[in-house]
Amino acid sequence: MTSIPSSLAPFFQEYSLEQLDLHDAANTIIERTLRFGNRAEI
């Protein structure tokens, strides 16, 4: 995977998704996906 699903983009408004490093932002991505994501995204 090279980026987060586009359906999660609204939860990362303060980030440039093209420049978001999945490794460095892993905790934030997991936290927001669990908090706001639906079953398929989780």
PDB file of N, CA and C in Angstrom:
ATOM      1  N   MET A   1       0.842  -1.177   0.000  1.00  0.00           N
ATOM      2  CA  MET A   1       0.000   0.000   0.000  1.00  0.00           C
ATOM      3  C   MET A   1       0.884   1.235   0.000  1.00  0.00           C
ATOM      4  N   THR A   2       0.560   2.174  -0.855  1.00  0.00           N
ATOM      5  CA  THR A   2       1.384   3.375  -0.951  1.00  0.00           C
ATOM      6  C   THR A   2       0.695   4.613  -0.408  1.00  0.00           C
ATOM      7  N   SER A   3      -0.593   4.510  -0.088  1.00  0.00           N
ATOM      8  CA  SER A   3      -1.306   5.644   0.493  1.00  0.00           C
ATOM      9  C   SER A   3      -2.532   5.140   1.241  1.00  0.00           C
ATOM     10  N   ILE A   4      -3.129   6.027   2.001  1.00  0.00           N
ATOM     11  CA  ILE A   4      -4.345   5.654   2.710  1.00  0.00           C
ATOM     12  C   ILE A   4      -5.504   5.627   1.719  1.00  0.00           C
ATOM     13  N   PRO A   5      -6.573   4.903   2.023  1.00  0.00           N
ATOM     14  CA  PRO A   5      -7.732   4.898   1.130  1.00  0.00           C
ATOM     15  C   PRO A   5      -8.308   6.309   0.979  1.00  0.00           C
ATOM     16  N   SER A   6      -8.731   6.641  -0.203  1.00  0.00           N
ATOM     17  CA  SER A   6      -9.257   7.989  -0.452  1.00  0.00           C
ATOM     18  C   SER A   6     -10.492   8.288   0.390  1.00  0.00           C
ATOM     19  N   SER A   7     -11.203   7.257   0.817  1.00  0.00           N
ATOM     20  CA  SER A   7     -12.380   7.477   1.660  1.00  0.00           C
ATOM     21  C   SER A   7     -12.009   8.012   3.046  1.00  0.00           C
ATOM     22  N   LEU A   8     -10.736   7.848   3.445  1.00  0.00           N
ATOM     23  CA  LEU A   8     -10.273   8.372   4.732  1.00  0.00           C
ATOM     24  C   LEU A   8      -9.734   9.799   4.629  1.00  0.00           C
ATOM     25  N   ALA A   9      -9.601  10.314   3.446  1.00  0.00           N
ATOM     26  CA  ALA A   9      -9.009  11.641   3.238  1.00  0.00           C
ATOM     27  C   ALA A   9      -9.655  12.750   4.081  1.00  0.00           C
ATOM     28  N   PRO A  10     -10.976  12.755   4.263  1.00  0.00           N
ATOM     29  CA  PRO A  10     -11.565  13.823   5.086  1.00  0.00           C
ATOM     30  C   PRO A  10     -11.055  13.864   6.525  1.00  0.00           C
ATOM     31  N   PHE A  11     -10.497  12.774   7.004  1.00  0.00           N
ATOM     32  CA  PHE A  11     -10.011  12.712   8.375  1.00  0.00           C
ATOM     33  C   PHE A  11      -8.550  13.144   8.510  1.00  0.00           C
ATOM     34  N   PHE A  12      -7.950  13.562   7.391  1.00  0.00           N
ATOM     35  CA  PHE A  12      -6.548  13.983   7.368  1.00  0.00           C
ATOM     36  C   PHE A  12      -6.411  15.322   6.652  1.00  0.00           C
ATOM     37  N   GLN A  13      -7.311  16.249   6.950  1.00  0.00           N
ATOM     38  CA  GLN A  13      -7.351  17.524   6.238  1.00  0.00           C
ATOM     39  C   GLN A  13      -6.095  18.363   6.429  1.00  0.00           C
ATOM     40  N   GLU A  14      -5.414  18.191   7.539  1.00  0.00           N
ATOM     41  CA  GLU A  14      -4.228  19.020   7.785  1.00  0.00           C
ATOM     42  C   GLU A  14      -2.960  18.440   7.153  1.00  0.00           C
ATOM     43  N   TYR A  15      -3.083  17.302   6.473  1.00  0.00           N
ATOM     44  CA  TYR A  15      -1.949  16.649   5.827  1.00  0.00           C
ATOM     45  C   TYR A  15      -2.080  16.692   4.312  1.00  0.00           C
ATOM     46  N   SER A  16      -0.969  16.730   3.639  1.00  0.00           N
ATOM     47  CA  SER A  16      -0.938  16.517   2.200  1.00  0.00           C
ATOM     48  C   SER A  16      -0.824  15.007   2.001  1.00  0.00           C
ATOM     49  N   LEU A  17      -1.877  14.384   1.498  1.00  0.00           N
ATOM     50  CA  LEU A  17      -1.892  12.923   1.401  1.00  0.00           C
ATOM     51  C   LEU A  17      -0.809  12.385   0.482  1.00  0.00           C
ATOM     52  N   GLU A  18      -0.420  13.164  -0.515  1.00  0.00           N
ATOM     53  CA  GLU A  18       0.653  12.735  -1.418  1.00  0.00           C
ATOM     54  C   GLU A  18       1.993  12.672  -0.702  1.00  0.00           C
ATOM     55  N   GLN A  19       2.146  13.471   0.349  1.00  0.00           N
ATOM     56  CA  GLN A  19       3.415  13.535   1.066  1.00  0.00           C
ATOM     57  C   GLN A  19       3.369  12.833   2.432  1.00  0.00           C
ATOM     58  N   LEU A  20       2.230  12.258   2.781  1.00  0.00           N
ATOM     59  CA  LEU A  20       2.085  11.587   4.065  1.00  0.00           C
ATOM     60  C   LEU A  20       2.912  10.299   4.075  1.00  0.00           C
ATOM     61  N   ASP A  21       3.850  10.211   4.991  1.00  0.00           N
ATOM     62  CA  ASP A  21       4.687   9.017   5.128  1.00  0.00           C
ATOM     63  C   ASP A  21       3.940   8.003   5.985  1.00  0.00           C
ATOM     64  N   LEU A  22       3.581   6.877   5.391  1.00  0.00           N
ATOM     65  CA  LEU A  22       2.783   5.881   6.091  1.00  0.00           C
ATOM     66  C   LEU A  22       3.486   5.328   7.321  1.00  0.00           C
ATOM     67  N   HIS A  23       4.777   5.200   7.255  1.00  0.00           N
ATOM     68  CA  HIS A  23       5.533   4.667   8.391  1.00  0.00           C
ATOM     69  C   HIS A  23       5.569   5.669   9.541  1.00  0.00           C
ATOM     70  N   ASP A  24       5.907   6.914   9.241  1.00  0.00           N
ATOM     71  CA  ASP A  24       6.016   7.938  10.283  1.00  0.00           C
ATOM     72  C   ASP A  24       4.661   8.305  10.886  1.00  0.00           C
ATOM     73  N   ALA A  25       3.613   8.233  10.098  1.00  0.00           N
ATOM     74  CA  ALA A  25       2.282   8.634  10.554  1.00  0.00           C
ATOM     75  C   ALA A  25       1.408   7.441  10.930  1.00  0.00           C
ATOM     76  N   ALA A  26       1.986   6.280  11.094  1.00  0.00           N
ATOM     77  CA  ALA A  26       1.222   5.057  11.338  1.00  0.00           C
ATOM     78  C   ALA A  26       0.288   5.177  12.541  1.00  0.00           C
ATOM     79  N   ASN A  27       0.776   5.726  13.634  1.00  0.00           N
ATOM     80  CA  ASN A  27      -0.072   5.847  14.825  1.00  0.00           C
ATOM     81  C   ASN A  27      -1.276   6.739  14.566  1.00  0.00           C
ATOM     82  N   THR A  28      -1.073   7.839  13.890  1.00  0.00           N
ATOM     83  CA  THR A  28      -2.171   8.757  13.563  1.00  0.00           C
ATOM     84  C   THR A  28      -3.155   8.103  12.610  1.00  0.00           C
ATOM     85  N   ILE A  29      -2.642   7.396  11.616  1.00  0.00           N
ATOM     86  CA  ILE A  29      -3.505   6.724  10.643  1.00  0.00           C
ATOM     87  C   ILE A  29      -4.355   5.667  11.336  1.00  0.00           C
ATOM     88  N   ILE A  30      -3.756   4.870  12.179  1.00  0.00           N
ATOM     89  CA  ILE A  30      -4.485   3.823  12.895  1.00  0.00           C
ATOM     90  C   ILE A  30      -5.537   4.441  13.811  1.00  0.00           C
ATOM     91  N   GLU A  31      -5.140   5.453  14.570  1.00  0.00           N
ATOM     92  CA  GLU A  31      -6.057   6.100  15.502  1.00  0.00           C
ATOM     93  C   GLU A  31      -7.279   6.669  14.779  1.00  0.00           C
ATOM     94  N   ARG A  32      -7.054   7.393  13.712  1.00  0.00           N
ATOM     95  CA  ARG A  32      -8.169   8.018  12.993  1.00  0.00           C
ATOM     96  C   ARG A  32      -9.016   6.999  12.244  1.00  0.00           C
ATOM     97  N   THR A  33      -8.394   5.948  11.740  1.00  0.00           N
ATOM     98  CA  THR A  33      -9.163   4.910  11.056  1.00  0.00           C
ATOM     99  C   THR A  33     -10.074   4.196  12.049  1.00  0.00           C
ATOM    100  N   LEU A  34      -9.552   3.889  13.219  1.00  0.00           N
ATOM    101  CA  LEU A  34     -10.377   3.232  14.233  1.00  0.00           C
ATOM    102  C   LEU A  34     -11.484   4.153  14.737  1.00  0.00           C
ATOM    103  N   ARG A  35     -11.185   5.426  14.844  1.00  0.00           N
ATOM    104  CA  ARG A  35     -12.167   6.380  15.386  1.00  0.00           C
ATOM    105  C   ARG A  35     -13.246   6.747  14.380  1.00  0.00           C
ATOM    106  N   PHE A  36     -12.856   6.977  13.117  1.00  0.00           N
ATOM    107  CA  PHE A  36     -13.787   7.513  12.138  1.00  0.00           C
ATOM    108  C   PHE A  36     -14.110   6.552  10.991  1.00  0.00           C
ATOM    109  N   GLY A  37     -13.285   5.547  10.774  1.00  0.00           N
ATOM    110  CA  GLY A  37     -13.450   4.672   9.630  1.00  0.00           C
ATOM    111  C   GLY A  37     -14.621   3.714   9.772  1.00  0.00           C
ATOM    112  N   ASN A  38     -15.026   3.177   8.652  1.00  0.00           N
ATOM    113  CA  ASN A  38     -16.086   2.174   8.674  1.00  0.00           C
ATOM    114  C   ASN A  38     -15.450   0.779   8.711  1.00  0.00           C
ATOM    115  N   ARG A  39     -16.276  -0.221   8.731  1.00  0.00           N
ATOM    116  CA  ARG A  39     -15.781  -1.597   8.875  1.00  0.00           C
ATOM    117  C   ARG A  39     -14.814  -1.972   7.752  1.00  0.00           C
ATOM    118  N   ALA A  40     -15.127  -1.604   6.529  1.00  0.00           N
ATOM    119  CA  ALA A  40     -14.268  -1.957   5.377  1.00  0.00           C
ATOM    120  C   ALA A  40     -12.901  -1.286   5.486  1.00  0.00           C
ATOM    121  N   GLU A  41     -12.851  -0.047   5.956  1.00  0.00           N
ATOM    122  CA  GLU A  41     -11.573   0.673   6.062  1.00  0.00           C
ATOM    123  C   GLU A  41     -10.718   0.115   7.199  1.00  0.00           C
ATOM    124  N   ILE A  42     -11.369  -0.313   8.242  1.00  0.00           N
ATOM    125  CA  ILE A  42     -10.632  -0.888   9.369  1.00  0.00           C
ATOM    126  C   ILE A  42     -10.074  -2.224   8.954  1.00  0.00           C
TER     127      ILE A  42
END
